[in-house]
C-alpha atoms as a PDB file:
ATOM      1  CA  MET A   1       1.557 -51.577 -24.773  1.00  0.00           C
ATOM      2  CA  GLY A   2       2.649 -48.505 -23.044  1.00  0.00           C
ATOM      3  CA  ARG A   3       1.541 -47.789 -19.326  1.00  0.00           C
ATOM      4  CA  ILE A   4      -1.807 -45.913 -18.940  1.00  0.00           C
ATOM      5  CA  VAL A   5      -1.688 -42.795 -17.051  1.00  0.00           C
ATOM      6  CA  ALA A   6      -4.622 -40.710 -15.836  1.00  0.00           C
ATOM      7  CA  LEU A   7      -4.765 -37.164 -17.418  1.00  0.00           C
ATOM      8  CA  PRO A   8      -2.889 -34.843 -15.179  1.00  0.00           C
ATOM      9  CA  ALA A   9      -4.627 -32.033 -13.296  1.00  0.00           C
ATOM     10  CA  ARG A  10      -2.905 -29.383 -15.763  1.00  0.00           C
ATOM     11  CA  GLY A  11      -4.483 -30.272 -19.068  1.00  0.00           C
ATOM     12  CA  GLU A  12      -7.544 -30.007 -21.449  1.00  0.00           C
ATOM     13  CA  VAL A  13      -9.598 -32.398 -23.210  1.00  0.00           C
ATOM     14  CA  LEU A  14     -10.846 -30.807 -26.584  1.00  0.00           C
ATOM     15  CA  THR A  15     -13.614 -32.494 -28.630  1.00  0.00           C
ATOM     16  CA  ASP A  16     -13.729 -33.158 -32.464  1.00  0.00           C
ATOM     17  CA  VAL A  17     -16.249 -30.971 -34.391  1.00  0.00           C
ATOM     18  CA  ARG A  18     -17.177 -34.066 -36.193  1.00  0.00           C
ATOM     19  CA  GLY A  19     -18.692 -35.663 -33.189  1.00  0.00           C
ATOM     20  CA  GLY A  20     -18.575 -39.222 -31.753  1.00  0.00           C
ATOM     21  CA  ASP A  21     -16.254 -40.254 -29.164  1.00  0.00           C
ATOM     22  CA  ARG A  22     -12.817 -38.575 -30.804  1.00  0.00           C
ATOM     23  CA  CYS A  23     -10.924 -35.899 -28.745  1.00  0.00           C
ATOM     24  CA  LEU A  24      -7.581 -34.277 -28.364  1.00  0.00           C
ATOM     25  CA  ARG A  25      -5.791 -34.180 -25.178  1.00  0.00           C
ATOM     26  CA  VAL A  26      -3.465 -31.925 -23.827  1.00  0.00           C
ATOM     27  CA  SER A  27      -1.283 -32.386 -20.833  1.00  0.00           C
ATOM     28  CA  TRP A  28       1.591 -30.804 -18.995  1.00  0.00           C
ATOM     29  CA  HIS A  29       4.195 -33.399 -17.907  1.00  0.00           C
ATOM     30  CA  ASP A  30       6.592 -30.790 -15.711  1.00  0.00           C
ATOM     31  CA  ALA A  31       8.966 -33.603 -14.352  1.00  0.00           C
ATOM     32  CA  ASP A  32       9.635 -34.599 -17.997  1.00  0.00           C
ATOM     33  CA  GLY A  33       9.610 -30.979 -19.334  1.00  0.00           C
ATOM     34  CA  VAL A  34       6.948 -31.818 -22.155  1.00  0.00           C
ATOM     35  CA  VAL A  35       3.146 -31.233 -23.257  1.00  0.00           C
ATOM     36  CA  VAL A  36       1.964 -34.317 -24.741  1.00  0.00           C
ATOM     37  CA  VAL A  37      -0.746 -33.827 -27.354  1.00  0.00           C
ATOM     38  CA  SER A  38      -2.722 -37.189 -27.839  1.00  0.00           C
ATOM     39  CA  VAL A  39      -5.493 -38.126 -30.307  1.00  0.00           C
ATOM     40  CA  TRP A  40      -8.030 -40.390 -28.723  1.00  0.00           C
ATOM     41  CA  HIS A  41     -11.085 -42.721 -29.918  1.00  0.00           C
ATOM     42  CA  GLY A  42     -13.226 -43.236 -26.879  1.00  0.00           C
ATOM     43  CA  ASP A  43     -10.752 -44.824 -24.431  1.00  0.00           C
ATOM     44  CA  VAL A  44      -8.427 -45.996 -26.698  1.00  0.00           C
ATOM     45  CA  CYS A  45      -5.159 -43.551 -27.418  1.00  0.00           C
ATOM     46  CA  ALA A  46      -4.495 -43.326 -31.068  1.00  0.00           C
ATOM     47  CA  GLY A  47      -1.305 -41.397 -31.192  1.00  0.00           C
ATOM     48  CA  THR A  48       0.682 -38.854 -29.058  1.00  0.00           C
ATOM     49  CA  VAL A  49       3.356 -36.116 -29.905  1.00  0.00           C
ATOM     50  CA  ARG A  50       5.750 -35.076 -27.172  1.00  0.00           C
ATOM     51  CA  VAL A  51       6.573 -31.215 -27.442  1.00  0.00           C
ATOM     52  CA  ALA A  52       9.216 -29.987 -25.557  1.00  0.00           C
ATOM     53  CA  ALA A  53       8.183 -27.180 -23.080  1.00  0.00           C
ATOM     54  CA  GLN A  54      10.471 -24.421 -24.851  1.00  0.00           C
ATOM     55  CA  ASP A  55       8.612 -25.367 -28.256  1.00  0.00           C
ATOM     56  CA  VAL A  56       5.123 -24.829 -26.659  1.00  0.00           C
ATOM     57  CA  PRO A  57       5.597 -20.857 -27.652  1.00  0.00           C
ATOM     58  CA  ASP A  58       5.684 -21.793 -31.297  1.00  0.00           C
ATOM     59  CA  LEU A  59       3.118 -24.266 -31.109  1.00  0.00           C
ATOM     60  CA  VAL A  60       0.669 -21.530 -29.622  1.00  0.00           C
ATOM     61  CA  ALA A  61       1.889 -18.736 -32.008  1.00  0.00           C
ATOM     62  CA  ALA A  62       0.814 -21.153 -34.981  1.00  0.00           C
ATOM     63  CA  LEU A  63      -2.541 -21.662 -33.585  1.00  0.00           C
ATOM     64  CA  THR A  64      -2.934 -18.192 -32.607  1.00  0.00           C
ATOM     65  CA  GLN A  65      -1.839 -16.953 -36.210  1.00  0.00           C
ATOM     66  CA  GLY A  66      -4.278 -19.583 -37.839  1.00  0.00           C
ATOM     67  CA  LEU A  67      -7.158 -18.261 -35.721  1.00  0.00           C
ATOM     68  CA  ALA A  68      -6.663 -14.763 -36.630  1.00  0.00           C
ATOM     69  CA  ARG A  69      -6.422 -15.300 -40.439  1.00  0.00           C
ATOM     70  CA  GLY A  70      -9.449 -17.427 -39.877  1.00  0.00           C
ATOM     71  CA  TYR A  71     -11.609 -14.658 -38.670  1.00  0.00           C
ATOM     72  CA  ASP A  72     -11.658 -13.215 -41.988  1.00  0.00           C
ATOM     73  CA  ALA A  73     -12.903 -16.472 -43.203  1.00  0.00           C
ATOM     74  CA  PRO A  74     -16.959 -17.179 -43.704  1.00  0.00           C
ATOM     75  CA  ALA A  75     -16.704 -20.613 -41.762  1.00  0.00           C
ATOM     76  CA  LEU A  76     -16.305 -18.634 -38.842  1.00  0.00           C
ATOM     77  CA  GLY A  77     -19.204 -16.689 -39.565  1.00  0.00           C
ATOM     78  CA  ARG A  78     -17.349 -13.306 -40.166  1.00  0.00           C
ATOM     79  CA  PRO A  79     -17.548 -11.146 -43.068  1.00  0.00           C
ATOM     80  CA  GLY A  80     -14.433 -12.117 -45.203  1.00  0.00           C
END
């Protein structure tokens, strides 16, 4: 089992829209040069992805492009 580390000061916790105790944690680990994205069920980590800091702009671009396209979708309450 891996070492449990408290969420760093530079991070974010996002709850799952389905409710329950699922969430996504995003945390910066400057000393390692990575951002860790992890999926949690309550207090149990179900999986992680370590993204190199230089790859974070690509991740952000993918998210913002998807969001921009989604604004035309009825699911976000926008006319489409």
